[in-house]
C-alpha atoms as a PDB file:
ATOM      1  CA  MET A   1     -13.065 -20.228  12.180  1.00  0.00           C
ATOM      2  CA  ILE A   2     -13.408 -20.988   8.626  1.00  0.00           C
ATOM      3  CA  GLU A   3     -15.526 -18.618   6.481  1.00  0.00           C
ATOM      4  CA  LEU A   4     -16.534 -19.216   2.777  1.00  0.00           C
ATOM      5  CA  HIS A   5     -16.079 -15.730   0.755  1.00  0.00           C
ATOM      6  CA  TRP A   6     -18.578 -16.762  -2.013  1.00  0.00           C
ATOM      7  CA  PRO A   7     -20.585 -19.459  -0.211  1.00  0.00           C
ATOM      8  CA  TRP A   8     -23.300 -19.188  -3.370  1.00  0.00           C
ATOM      9  CA  LEU A   9     -20.818 -21.380  -5.358  1.00  0.00           C
ATOM     10  CA  LEU A  10     -21.854 -24.218  -3.367  1.00  0.00           C
ATOM     11  CA  TRP A  11     -25.358 -24.386  -5.322  1.00  0.00           C
ATOM     12  CA  LEU A  12     -23.398 -25.685  -8.224  1.00  0.00           C
ATOM     13  CA  LEU A  13     -22.869 -28.901  -6.496  1.00  0.00           C
ATOM     14  CA  PRO A  14     -26.077 -30.669  -8.296  1.00  0.00           C
ATOM     15  CA  LEU A  15     -24.897 -29.622 -11.510  1.00  0.00           C
ATOM     16  CA  PRO A  16     -23.385 -32.575 -13.215  1.00  0.00           C
ATOM     17  CA  LEU A  17     -26.282 -34.751 -12.163  1.00  0.00           C
ATOM     18  CA  LEU A  18     -28.799 -32.040 -13.453  1.00  0.00           C
ATOM     19  CA  LEU A  19     -26.441 -31.824 -17.015  1.00  0.00           C
ATOM     20  CA  ARG A  20     -26.809 -36.187 -17.095  1.00  0.00           C
ATOM     21  CA  TRP A  21     -30.605 -35.763 -16.843  1.00  0.00           C
ATOM     22  CA  LEU A  22     -31.002 -32.822 -19.491  1.00  0.00           C
ATOM     23  CA  LEU A  23     -28.096 -33.936 -21.840  1.00  0.00           C
ATOM     24  CA  PRO A  24     -29.505 -37.001 -24.344  1.00  0.00           C
ATOM     25  CA  ALA A  25     -27.679 -40.272 -23.540  1.00  0.00           C
ATOM     26  CA  ARG A  26     -25.074 -41.411 -26.127  1.00  0.00           C
ATOM     27  CA  ALA A  27     -26.065 -43.990 -28.386  1.00  0.00           C
ATOM     28  CA  VAL A  28     -24.565 -47.441 -27.434  1.00  0.00           C
ATOM     29  CA  ALA A  29     -22.543 -48.822 -30.444  1.00  0.00           C
ATOM     30  CA  GLN A  30     -24.050 -52.014 -31.710  1.00  0.00           C
ATOM     31  CA  GLN A  31     -21.846 -54.984 -31.735  1.00  0.00           C
ATOM     32  CA  ALA A  32     -21.786 -58.382 -33.001  1.00  0.00           C
ATOM     33  CA  ALA A  33     -22.228 -61.383 -30.431  1.00  0.00           C
ATOM     34  CA  LEU A  34     -19.324 -63.108 -29.288  1.00  0.00           C
ATOM     35  CA  LYS A  35     -19.155 -66.820 -28.487  1.00  0.00           C
ATOM     36  CA  VAL A  36     -16.870 -67.820 -25.663  1.00  0.00           C
ATOM     37  CA  PRO A  37     -16.263 -70.792 -23.877  1.00  0.00           C
ATOM     38  CA  PHE A  38     -15.875 -69.388 -20.453  1.00  0.00           C
ATOM     39  CA  LEU A  39     -19.845 -68.607 -19.770  1.00  0.00           C
ATOM     40  CA  ASP A  40     -18.944 -68.894 -15.902  1.00  0.00           C
ATOM     41  CA  ASP A  41     -16.612 -65.495 -16.128  1.00  0.00           C
ATOM     42  CA  PHE A  42     -19.642 -63.572 -17.057  1.00  0.00           C
ATOM     43  CA  GLY A  43     -22.151 -64.697 -14.777  1.00  0.00           C
ATOM     44  CA  PRO A  44     -23.864 -62.833 -11.965  1.00  0.00           C
ATOM     45  CA  SER A  45     -20.895 -62.348  -9.620  1.00  0.00           C
ATOM     46  CA  ALA A  46     -18.468 -61.134 -12.419  1.00  0.00           C
ATOM     47  CA  SER A  47     -21.399 -58.562 -13.403  1.00  0.00           C
ATOM     48  CA  ARG A  48     -21.244 -57.253  -9.750  1.00  0.00           C
ATOM     49  CA  VAL A  49     -17.385 -57.041 -10.029  1.00  0.00           C
ATOM     50  CA  VAL A  50     -17.199 -54.575 -13.323  1.00  0.00           C
ATOM     51  CA  SER A  51     -19.751 -52.693 -11.665  1.00  0.00           C
ATOM     52  CA  SER A  52     -18.069 -52.301  -8.553  1.00  0.00           C
ATOM     53  CA  GLU A  53     -14.953 -51.399 -10.832  1.00  0.00           C
ATOM     54  CA  ARG A  54     -16.604 -48.787 -12.730  1.00  0.00           C
ATOM     55  CA  ARG A  55     -17.982 -46.891  -9.739  1.00  0.00           C
ATOM     56  CA  TRP A  56     -15.106 -46.251  -8.359  1.00  0.00           C
ATOM     57  CA  PRO A  57     -13.887 -43.788 -10.708  1.00  0.00           C
ATOM     58  CA  LEU A  58     -17.625 -42.344 -10.365  1.00  0.00           C
ATOM     59  CA  TRP A  59     -16.913 -41.283  -6.951  1.00  0.00           C
ATOM     60  CA  LEU A  60     -13.745 -39.850  -7.299  1.00  0.00           C
ATOM     61  CA  ALA A  61     -14.785 -37.465 -10.169  1.00  0.00           C
ATOM     62  CA  ALA A  62     -17.651 -36.709  -7.452  1.00  0.00           C
ATOM     63  CA  LEU A  63     -15.307 -35.980  -4.662  1.00  0.00           C
ATOM     64  CA  ALA A  64     -12.949 -33.751  -7.072  1.00  0.00           C
ATOM     65  CA  TRP A  65     -15.712 -31.837  -8.232  1.00  0.00           C
ATOM     66  CA  VAL A  66     -16.851 -31.083  -4.457  1.00  0.00           C
ATOM     67  CA  CYS A  67     -13.220 -30.171  -3.806  1.00  0.00           C
ATOM     68  CA  LEU A  68     -13.211 -27.899  -6.708  1.00  0.00           C
ATOM     69  CA  LEU A  69     -16.317 -26.057  -5.778  1.00  0.00           C
ATOM     70  CA  ALA A  70     -14.855 -25.734  -2.091  1.00  0.00           C
ATOM     71  CA  ALA A  71     -11.584 -24.147  -3.464  1.00  0.00           C
ATOM     72  CA  ALA A  72     -14.074 -21.528  -5.778  1.00  0.00           C
ATOM     73  CA  ALA A  73     -15.824 -20.591  -2.778  1.00  0.00           C
ATOM     74  CA  ARG A  74     -12.640 -19.287  -1.198  1.00  0.00           C
ATOM     75  CA  PRO A  75     -12.372 -20.637   2.288  1.00  0.00           C
ATOM     76  CA  GLN A  76     -11.022 -18.585   4.680  1.00  0.00           C
ATOM     77  CA  TRP A  77      -9.434 -18.653   8.291  1.00  0.00           C
ATOM     78  CA  LEU A  78     -10.627 -15.783  10.473  1.00  0.00           C
ATOM     79  CA  GLY A  79      -8.157 -14.758  13.570  1.00  0.00           C
ATOM     80  CA  GLU A  80      -9.058 -13.208  16.589  1.00  0.00           C
ATOM     81  CA  PRO A  81     -10.078  -9.555  16.050  1.00  0.00           C
ATOM     82  CA  ILE A  82      -7.442  -7.061  16.233  1.00  0.00           C
ATOM     83  CA  GLU A  83      -8.142  -3.330  17.829  1.00  0.00           C
ATOM     84  CA  GLN A  84      -6.368  -0.420  15.616  1.00  0.00           C
ATOM     85  CA  ALA A  85      -6.498   3.013  16.071  1.00  0.00           C
ATOM     86  CA  VAL A  86      -7.725   5.182  13.212  1.00  0.00           C
ATOM     87  CA  SER A  87      -7.810   8.929  13.603  1.00  0.00           C
ATOM     88  CA  GLY A  88      -9.847   9.832  10.221  1.00  0.00           C
ATOM     89  CA  ARG A  89      -6.989  12.114   9.240  1.00  0.00           C
ATOM     90  CA  ASP A  90      -4.846  12.052   6.101  1.00  0.00           C
ATOM     91  CA  LEU A  91      -1.565  13.347   6.614  1.00  0.00           C
ATOM     92  CA  MET A  92       0.976  14.241   3.959  1.00  0.00           C
ATOM     93  CA  LEU A  93       4.847  15.047   4.187  1.00  0.00           C
ATOM     94  CA  ALA A  94       6.327  17.176   1.205  1.00  0.00           C
ATOM     95  CA  VAL A  95      10.104  17.239   1.644  1.00  0.00           C
ATOM     96  CA  ASP A  96      12.137  19.043  -0.427  1.00  0.00           C
ATOM     97  CA  VAL A  97      15.263  17.256  -2.129  1.00  0.00           C
ATOM     98  CA  SER A  98      16.786  19.744  -4.411  1.00  0.00           C
ATOM     99  CA  GLY A  99      20.647  20.728  -4.568  1.00  0.00           C
ATOM    100  CA  SER A 100      20.485  23.138  -1.756  1.00  0.00           C
ATOM    101  CA  MET A 101      19.571  20.649   0.670  1.00  0.00           C
ATOM    102  CA  GLN A 102      22.913  19.061   0.744  1.00  0.00           C
ATOM    103  CA  GLU A 103      24.205  22.051   2.967  1.00  0.00           C
ATOM    104  CA  GLU A 104      25.860  20.707   6.050  1.00  0.00           C
ATOM    105  CA  ASP A 105      24.488  23.113   8.761  1.00  0.00           C
ATOM    106  CA  PHE A 106      22.706  20.678  10.914  1.00  0.00           C
ATOM    107  CA  ILE A 107      23.947  18.833  14.026  1.00  0.00           C
ATOM    108  CA  LEU A 108      22.889  15.367  14.436  1.00  0.00           C
ATOM    109  CA  GLY A 109      24.986  13.013  17.136  1.00  0.00           C
ATOM    110  CA  LYS A 110      27.612  15.497  17.402  1.00  0.00           C
ATOM    111  CA  GLN A 111      28.478  15.077  13.934  1.00  0.00           C
ATOM    112  CA  ARG A 112      27.586  17.983  10.958  1.00  0.00           C
ATOM    113  CA  VAL A 113      24.923  16.258   8.654  1.00  0.00           C
ATOM    114  CA  ASP A 114      22.769  17.723   5.629  1.00  0.00           C
ATOM    115  CA  ARG A 115      19.731  18.945   6.230  1.00  0.00           C
ATOM    116  CA  LEU A 116      17.836  16.008   4.399  1.00  0.00           C
ATOM    117  CA  THR A 117      19.453  13.640   6.453  1.00  0.00           C
ATOM    118  CA  ALA A 118      18.295  15.964   9.654  1.00  0.00           C
ATOM    119  CA  ILE A 119      14.812  15.726   8.268  1.00  0.00           C
ATOM    120  CA  LYS A 120      14.896  11.971   7.568  1.00  0.00           C
ATOM    121  CA  GLN A 121      15.864  11.381  11.700  1.00  0.00           C
ATOM    122  CA  VAL A 122      13.244  13.742  12.869  1.00  0.00           C
ATOM    123  CA  ALA A 123      10.640  13.561  10.369  1.00  0.00           C
ATOM    124  CA  GLY A 124      11.071   9.403  10.764  1.00  0.00           C
ATOM    125  CA  GLU A 125      10.431   9.646  14.809  1.00  0.00           C
ATOM    126  CA  PHE A 126       7.325  11.888  13.938  1.00  0.00           C
ATOM    127  CA  ILE A 127       5.717   9.064  11.421  1.00  0.00           C
ATOM    128  CA  GLN A 128       6.480   6.389  13.945  1.00  0.00           C
ATOM    129  CA  ARG A 129       4.170   8.463  16.638  1.00  0.00           C
ATOM    130  CA  ARG A 130       1.383   8.918  14.002  1.00  0.00           C
ATOM    131  CA  VAL A 131      -0.826   5.838  15.046  1.00  0.00           C
ATOM    132  CA  GLY A 132      -3.719   6.063  13.228  1.00  0.00           C
ATOM    133  CA  ASP A 133      -3.234   8.457  10.659  1.00  0.00           C
ATOM    134  CA  ARG A 134      -3.028   7.737   6.844  1.00  0.00           C
ATOM    135  CA  LEU A 135       0.482   9.300   5.873  1.00  0.00           C
ATOM    136  CA  GLY A 136       1.849   9.775   2.495  1.00  0.00           C
ATOM    137  CA  LEU A 137       4.958  11.161   1.214  1.00  0.00           C
ATOM    138  CA  ILE A 138       5.845  13.603  -1.664  1.00  0.00           C
ATOM    139  CA  LEU A 139       9.374  14.719  -2.819  1.00  0.00           C
ATOM    140  CA  PHE A 140       9.882  17.724  -4.502  1.00  0.00           C
ATOM    141  CA  GLY A 141      12.778  19.641  -6.664  1.00  0.00           C
ATOM    142  CA  THR A 142      12.384  20.934 -10.057  1.00  0.00           C
ATOM    143  CA  GLN A 143       9.616  18.683  -9.977  1.00  0.00           C
ATOM    144  CA  ALA A 144       7.161  16.846  -7.556  1.00  0.00           C
ATOM    145  CA  TYR A 145       6.154  13.309  -7.370  1.00  0.00           C
ATOM    146  CA  LEU A 146       4.268  11.334  -5.278  1.00  0.00           C
ATOM    147  CA  HIS A 147       6.873   8.692  -3.481  1.00  0.00           C
ATOM    148  CA  VAL A 148       4.331   6.894  -1.052  1.00  0.00           C
ATOM    149  CA  PRO A 149       0.541   6.980  -1.870  1.00  0.00           C
ATOM    150  CA  LEU A 150      -1.502   7.436   1.590  1.00  0.00           C
ATOM    151  CA  THR A 151      -1.146   4.169   4.175  1.00  0.00           C
ATOM    152  CA  PHE A 152      -1.496   2.992   7.437  1.00  0.00           C
ATOM    153  CA  ASP A 153       1.768   1.409   7.075  1.00  0.00           C
ATOM    154  CA  ARG A 154       4.058   3.706   8.637  1.00  0.00           C
ATOM    155  CA  LYS A 155       7.172   1.648   8.504  1.00  0.00           C
ATOM    156  CA  THR A 156       7.187   1.764   4.772  1.00  0.00           C
ATOM    157  CA  VAL A 157       6.649   5.508   4.902  1.00  0.00           C
ATOM    158  CA  GLN A 158       9.778   5.743   7.325  1.00  0.00           C
ATOM    159  CA  THR A 159      11.886   3.440   5.221  1.00  0.00           C
ATOM    160  CA  LEU A 160      11.312   5.292   1.844  1.00  0.00           C
ATOM    161  CA  LEU A 161      11.813   8.606   3.097  1.00  0.00           C
ATOM    162  CA  HIS A 162      15.415   7.250   4.586  1.00  0.00           C
ATOM    163  CA  GLU A 163      16.176   6.021   0.786  1.00  0.00           C
ATOM    164  CA  ALA A 164      15.266   9.336  -0.866  1.00  0.00           C
ATOM    165  CA  PHE A 165      18.338  11.685  -2.015  1.00  0.00           C
ATOM    166  CA  ILE A 166      19.090  14.716  -2.975  1.00  0.00           C
ATOM    167  CA  GLY A 167      18.553  15.004  -6.452  1.00  0.00           C
ATOM    168  CA  ILE A 168      16.285  12.120  -6.875  1.00  0.00           C
ATOM    169  CA  THR A 169      13.565  14.200  -8.854  1.00  0.00           C
ATOM    170  CA  GLU A 170      16.097  15.748 -11.360  1.00  0.00           C
ATOM    171  CA  ASP A 171      19.736  16.876 -11.260  1.00  0.00           C
ATOM    172  CA  ASP A 172      18.919  20.596 -11.589  1.00  0.00           C
ATOM    173  CA  PRO A 173      18.643  22.428  -8.132  1.00  0.00           C
ATOM    174  CA  LYS A 174      15.559  24.097  -8.765  1.00  0.00           C
ATOM    175  CA  THR A 175      12.415  23.972  -6.127  1.00  0.00           C
ATOM    176  CA  SER A 176       9.007  23.463  -7.365  1.00  0.00           C
ATOM    177  CA  ILE A 177       6.862  24.219  -4.183  1.00  0.00           C
ATOM    178  CA  GLY A 178       3.557  25.203  -5.954  1.00  0.00           C
ATOM    179  CA  ASP A 179       3.283  22.295  -7.692  1.00  0.00           C
ATOM    180  CA  ALA A 180       4.349  20.080  -4.475  1.00  0.00           C
ATOM    181  CA  ILE A 181       1.231  21.568  -2.974  1.00  0.00           C
ATOM    182  CA  GLY A 182      -1.066  20.992  -5.986  1.00  0.00           C
ATOM    183  CA  LEU A 183       0.084  17.496  -6.281  1.00  0.00           C
ATOM    184  CA  ALA A 184      -0.914  16.876  -2.435  1.00  0.00           C
ATOM    185  CA  ILE A 185      -4.601  18.414  -3.208  1.00  0.00           C
ATOM    186  CA  LYS A 186      -4.858  15.918  -5.833  1.00  0.00           C
ATOM    187  CA  ARG A 187      -4.042  12.988  -4.059  1.00  0.00           C
ATOM    188  CA  LEU A 188      -6.045  14.384  -0.898  1.00  0.00           C
ATOM    189  CA  GLN A 189      -9.365  15.724  -2.063  1.00  0.00           C
ATOM    190  CA  GLU A 190     -10.454  12.359  -2.899  1.00  0.00           C
ATOM    191  CA  GLN A 191     -11.176  11.549   0.892  1.00  0.00           C
ATOM    192  CA  GLN A 192     -13.960  13.861   1.184  1.00  0.00           C
ATOM    193  CA  ASP A 193     -14.550  12.734   5.074  1.00  0.00           C
ATOM    194  CA  ALA A 194     -10.958  12.713   6.298  1.00  0.00           C
ATOM    195  CA  SER A 195      -9.217  15.742   7.934  1.00  0.00           C
ATOM    196  CA  ARG A 196      -6.337  16.861   5.570  1.00  0.00           C
ATOM    197  CA  VAL A 197      -3.187  18.286   6.673  1.00  0.00           C
ATOM    198  CA  LEU A 198       0.193  18.755   4.510  1.00  0.00           C
ATOM    199  CA  ILE A 199       3.545  19.218   6.080  1.00  0.00           C
ATOM    200  CA  LEU A 200       5.779  21.061   3.763  1.00  0.00           C
ATOM    201  CA  LEU A 201       9.534  21.364   4.573  1.00  0.00           C
ATOM    202  CA  THR A 202      11.799  23.384   2.167  1.00  0.00           C
ATOM    203  CA  ASP A 203      15.027  25.492   2.516  1.00  0.00           C
ATOM    204  CA  GLY A 204      14.565  27.714  -0.390  1.00  0.00           C
ATOM    205  CA  ALA A 205      12.163  29.562  -2.836  1.00  0.00           C
ATOM    206  CA  ASN A 206       9.820  28.603  -5.311  1.00  0.00           C
ATOM    207  CA  THR A 207      12.025  28.701  -8.853  1.00  0.00           C
ATOM    208  CA  ALA A 208      10.480  25.998 -11.104  1.00  0.00           C
ATOM    209  CA  GLY A 209       6.700  24.322 -11.522  1.00  0.00           C
ATOM    210  CA  GLU A 210       3.543  25.678 -13.185  1.00  0.00           C
ATOM    211  CA  LEU A 211       1.822  26.505  -9.975  1.00  0.00           C
ATOM    212  CA  THR A 212       2.617  29.399  -8.228  1.00  0.00           C
ATOM    213  CA  PRO A 213       2.645  28.725  -4.305  1.00  0.00           C
ATOM    214  CA  LEU A 214      -0.044  31.391  -3.369  1.00  0.00           C
ATOM    215  CA  LYS A 215      -2.371  30.071  -6.097  1.00  0.00           C
ATOM    216  CA  ALA A 216      -1.514  26.614  -4.754  1.00  0.00           C
ATOM    217  CA  ALA A 217      -2.656  27.954  -1.263  1.00  0.00           C
ATOM    218  CA  GLU A 218      -5.702  29.625  -2.462  1.00  0.00           C
ATOM    219  CA  LEU A 219      -6.924  26.190  -4.056  1.00  0.00           C
ATOM    220  CA  ALA A 220      -5.749  24.046  -0.980  1.00  0.00           C
ATOM    221  CA  ALA A 221      -7.851  26.313   1.090  1.00  0.00           C
ATOM    222  CA  GLU A 222     -10.780  25.475  -1.114  1.00  0.00           C
ATOM    223  CA  HIS A 223     -10.569  21.769  -0.774  1.00  0.00           C
ATOM    224  CA  HIS A 224     -10.058  22.013   3.197  1.00  0.00           C
ATOM    225  CA  LEU A 225      -6.347  21.583   3.039  1.00  0.00           C
ATOM    226  CA  LYS A 226      -4.560  22.958   5.912  1.00  0.00           C
ATOM    227  CA  ILE A 227      -0.638  23.322   5.245  1.00  0.00           C
ATOM    228  CA  TYR A 228       2.163  23.383   7.978  1.00  0.00           C
ATOM    229  CA  THR A 229       5.206  25.006   6.237  1.00  0.00           C
ATOM    230  CA  ILE A 230       8.859  24.615   7.730  1.00  0.00           C
ATOM    231  CA  GLY A 231      11.754  26.426   6.628  1.00  0.00           C
ATOM    232  CA  ILE A 232      15.147  24.438   7.114  1.00  0.00           C
ATOM    233  CA  GLY A 233      18.408  25.675   7.502  1.00  0.00           C
ATOM    234  CA  ALA A 234      20.777  27.582   9.874  1.00  0.00           C
ATOM    235  CA  ASP A 235      21.151  31.577   9.837  1.00  0.00           C
ATOM    236  CA  GLU A 236      24.541  31.594  10.333  1.00  0.00           C
ATOM    237  CA  VAL A 237      27.771  29.238   9.456  1.00  0.00           C
ATOM    238  CA  LEU A 238      31.381  29.863  10.028  1.00  0.00           C
ATOM    239  CA  VAL A 239      33.636  29.228   6.596  1.00  0.00           C
ATOM    240  CA  ARG A 240      36.931  29.026   6.523  1.00  0.00           C
ATOM    241  CA  SER A 241      39.096  30.152   3.429  1.00  0.00           C
ATOM    242  CA  LEU A 242      42.560  31.069   2.583  1.00  0.00           C
ATOM    243  CA  PHE A 243      41.783  34.728   3.791  1.00  0.00           C
ATOM    244  CA  GLY A 244      40.463  33.631   7.467  1.00  0.00           C
ATOM    245  CA  THR A 245      36.953  32.826   8.868  1.00  0.00           C
ATOM    246  CA  ARG A 246      34.119  34.517   7.843  1.00  0.00           C
ATOM    247  CA  ARG A 247      30.136  34.339   8.696  1.00  0.00           C
ATOM    248  CA  VAL A 248      27.624  33.653   5.914  1.00  0.00           C
ATOM    249  CA  ASN A 249      23.834  33.054   5.897  1.00  0.00           C
ATOM    250  CA  PRO A 250      23.272  29.713   4.333  1.00  0.00           C
ATOM    251  CA  SER A 251      19.348  30.615   4.292  1.00  0.00           C
ATOM    252  CA  ALA A 252      19.333  33.547   2.278  1.00  0.00           C
ATOM    253  CA  ASP A 253      17.405  32.005  -0.470  1.00  0.00           C
ATOM    254  CA  LEU A 254      14.722  30.758   1.990  1.00  0.00           C
ATOM    255  CA  ASP A 255      11.476  32.578   1.020  1.00  0.00           C
ATOM    256  CA  GLU A 256       9.939  32.791   4.610  1.00  0.00           C
ATOM    257  CA  LYS A 257       7.311  35.294   3.198  1.00  0.00           C
ATOM    258  CA  THR A 258       5.695  33.055   1.086  1.00  0.00           C
ATOM    259  CA  LEU A 259       5.940  30.164   3.550  1.00  0.00           C
ATOM    260  CA  THR A 260       4.160  32.053   6.023  1.00  0.00           C
ATOM    261  CA  ALA A 261       1.621  33.245   3.379  1.00  0.00           C
ATOM    262  CA  ILE A 262       0.945  29.352   2.664  1.00  0.00           C
ATOM    263  CA  ALA A 263       0.530  28.565   6.194  1.00  0.00           C
ATOM    264  CA  ASP A 264      -1.957  31.118   6.809  1.00  0.00           C
ATOM    265  CA  THR A 265      -4.247  30.925   3.567  1.00  0.00           C
ATOM    266  CA  THR A 266      -4.566  27.461   4.542  1.00  0.00           C
ATOM    267  CA  GLY A 267      -5.451  27.629   8.405  1.00  0.00           C
ATOM    268  CA  GLY A 268      -1.848  26.411   9.374  1.00  0.00           C
ATOM    269  CA  HIS A 269       1.463  27.849  10.766  1.00  0.00           C
ATOM    270  CA  TYR A 270       4.759  28.487   9.684  1.00  0.00           C
ATOM    271  CA  PHE A 271       7.701  27.232  11.727  1.00  0.00           C
ATOM    272  CA  ARG A 272      11.549  28.099  11.308  1.00  0.00           C
ATOM    273  CA  ALA A 273      13.858  25.095  12.122  1.00  0.00           C
ATOM    274  CA  ARG A 274      17.470  26.458  12.119  1.00  0.00           C
ATOM    275  CA  ASN A 275      19.141  23.448  13.880  1.00  0.00           C
ATOM    276  CA  THR A 276      17.851  19.770  14.868  1.00  0.00           C
ATOM    277  CA  GLU A 277      16.653  21.091  18.254  1.00  0.00           C
ATOM    278  CA  GLU A 278      14.177  23.162  16.903  1.00  0.00           C
ATOM    279  CA  LEU A 279      13.076  20.723  14.118  1.00  0.00           C
ATOM    280  CA  GLU A 280      12.292  18.227  16.630  1.00  0.00           C
ATOM    281  CA  LYS A 281      10.515  20.884  18.836  1.00  0.00           C
ATOM    282  CA  ILE A 282       8.349  21.740  15.849  1.00  0.00           C
ATOM    283  CA  TYR A 283       7.327  18.150  15.244  1.00  0.00           C
ATOM    284  CA  ARG A 284       6.363  17.796  19.009  1.00  0.00           C
ATOM    285  CA  MET A 285       4.060  21.145  18.396  1.00  0.00           C
ATOM    286  CA  LEU A 286       2.676  19.466  15.387  1.00  0.00           C
ATOM    287  CA  ASP A 287       1.910  16.297  17.622  1.00  0.00           C
ATOM    288  CA  GLN A 288      -0.369  18.874  19.751  1.00  0.00           C
ATOM    289  CA  LEU A 289      -1.775  20.790  17.356  1.00  0.00           C
ATOM    290  CA  GLU A 290      -2.865  17.284  15.321  1.00  0.00           C
ATOM    291  CA  PRO A 291      -3.079  15.116  18.134  1.00  0.00           C
ATOM    292  CA  VAL A 292      -3.779  11.195  17.417  1.00  0.00           C
ATOM    293  CA  GLU A 293      -7.297  10.068  18.004  1.00  0.00           C
ATOM    294  CA  LYS A 294      -8.193   7.693  20.233  1.00  0.00           C
ATOM    295  CA  ASP A 295     -10.949   5.912  18.307  1.00  0.00           C
ATOM    296  CA  LYS A 296     -10.598   2.404  17.570  1.00  0.00           C
ATOM    297  CA  GLN A 297     -11.673  -0.202  14.905  1.00  0.00           C
ATOM    298  CA  TYR A 298     -11.034  -3.484  14.940  1.00  0.00           C
ATOM    299  CA  PHE A 299     -10.342  -5.989  11.626  1.00  0.00           C
ATOM    300  CA  ARG A 300      -9.536  -9.888  11.907  1.00  0.00           C
ATOM    301  CA  PRO A 301      -6.719 -11.253   9.688  1.00  0.00           C
ATOM    302  CA  ARG A 302      -7.799 -13.629   7.217  1.00  0.00           C
ATOM    303  CA  SER A 303      -5.665 -16.602   5.925  1.00  0.00           C
ATOM    304  CA  GLU A 304      -6.695 -18.035   2.293  1.00  0.00           C
ATOM    305  CA  LEU A 305      -7.189 -21.826   2.704  1.00  0.00           C
ATOM    306  CA  PHE A 306      -8.316 -22.701  -1.027  1.00  0.00           C
ATOM    307  CA  TYR A 307      -5.344 -24.314  -2.269  1.00  0.00           C
ATOM    308  CA  TRP A 308      -5.961 -27.085   0.039  1.00  0.00           C
ATOM    309  CA  PRO A 309      -9.125 -28.175  -1.725  1.00  0.00           C
ATOM    310  CA  LEU A 310      -7.886 -27.011  -4.988  1.00  0.00           C
ATOM    311  CA  GLY A 311      -4.941 -29.352  -4.818  1.00  0.00           C
ATOM    312  CA  LEU A 312      -6.815 -32.231  -3.673  1.00  0.00           C
ATOM    313  CA  ALA A 313      -9.064 -31.698  -6.823  1.00  0.00           C
ATOM    314  CA  LEU A 314      -6.257 -31.612  -9.101  1.00  0.00           C
ATOM    315  CA  PHE A 315      -4.605 -34.771  -7.582  1.00  0.00           C
ATOM    316  CA  LEU A 316      -7.867 -36.468  -8.042  1.00  0.00           C
ATOM    317  CA  THR A 317      -8.567 -35.438 -11.677  1.00  0.00           C
ATOM    318  CA  GLY A 318      -4.801 -36.322 -12.716  1.00  0.00           C
ATOM    319  CA  TRP A 319      -5.614 -39.706 -10.943  1.00  0.00           C
ATOM    320  CA  LEU A 320      -8.475 -40.322 -13.304  1.00  0.00           C
ATOM    321  CA  THR A 321      -6.911 -39.242 -16.220  1.00  0.00           C
ATOM    322  CA  LEU A 322      -4.090 -41.483 -15.744  1.00  0.00           C
ATOM    323  CA  ALA A 323      -6.440 -44.451 -15.058  1.00  0.00           C
ATOM    324  CA  ARG A 324      -8.706 -43.666 -18.202  1.00  0.00           C
ATOM    325  CA  LEU A 325      -5.348 -43.731 -20.140  1.00  0.00           C
ATOM    326  CA  ARG A 326      -4.192 -47.176 -18.642  1.00  0.00           C
ATOM    327  CA  TRP A 327      -7.754 -48.451 -19.623  1.00  0.00           C
ATOM    328  CA  SER A 328      -7.855 -47.419 -22.822  1.00  0.00           C
END
């Protein structure tokens, strides 16, 4: 069906008639009488011809005015109602993109990959399952910044997550966990009625930023922001060297104590992901802890139609202008 967004503008239809009635008429120039030998050409029939020739521009101008008002009223085509699931939850992902995330201690498809690549794969599938949630994405290294604001467009969040790369914030390999939480609080506190959740993934400790993680966690608890923290990285990998093979711990810098305290302070949980399988299991657990709601809302897609009457009005106006120039 067709709907006018601003139908009150149609009340302006009689405006030209009102202006003609209120404004003073233009004075008719006095000209000397002419004597012509062809009096029959200026009889009653000739007057009717001249009158009809002067009326059609008036009708075209009136039609152009009607089309212009119809365009200004903003006609829209309303489609069929579409059902949309809305959970009332705002869920923000905060992903560490510092230099340590390039450690290749995850296996994905029988191929060794870095930690960020594994997060992209598993978190991307998690994003696709969050039907009805508003999702956002924060990337943090030395600095934290909002990569994707809250949106229902899960495809965009997934795409921009896959486009993230290590060092996108700065080349300095430091990590600002506290600032990432502070940024999430700032972006989520605007939605007072929503359930607010932050999922923070990191493989290190807080080494940069102005806000400490524990102070940020206290602020998050005050704003009713629940934080789930995930520690990324294997406990042990084999490294070959000239002196043989030795075992090293690539997650020695992971501050599990602080991540656990952050989760406990805000009513969330701390998880440890040593490999891809554990990371997938964690996201399945998050689906259970924060289930997708089944509440439904409906919206009707709208298509703008104003350009049709607007185009016709411009065409008629141009035609009248050219005709006036030819008469003059």
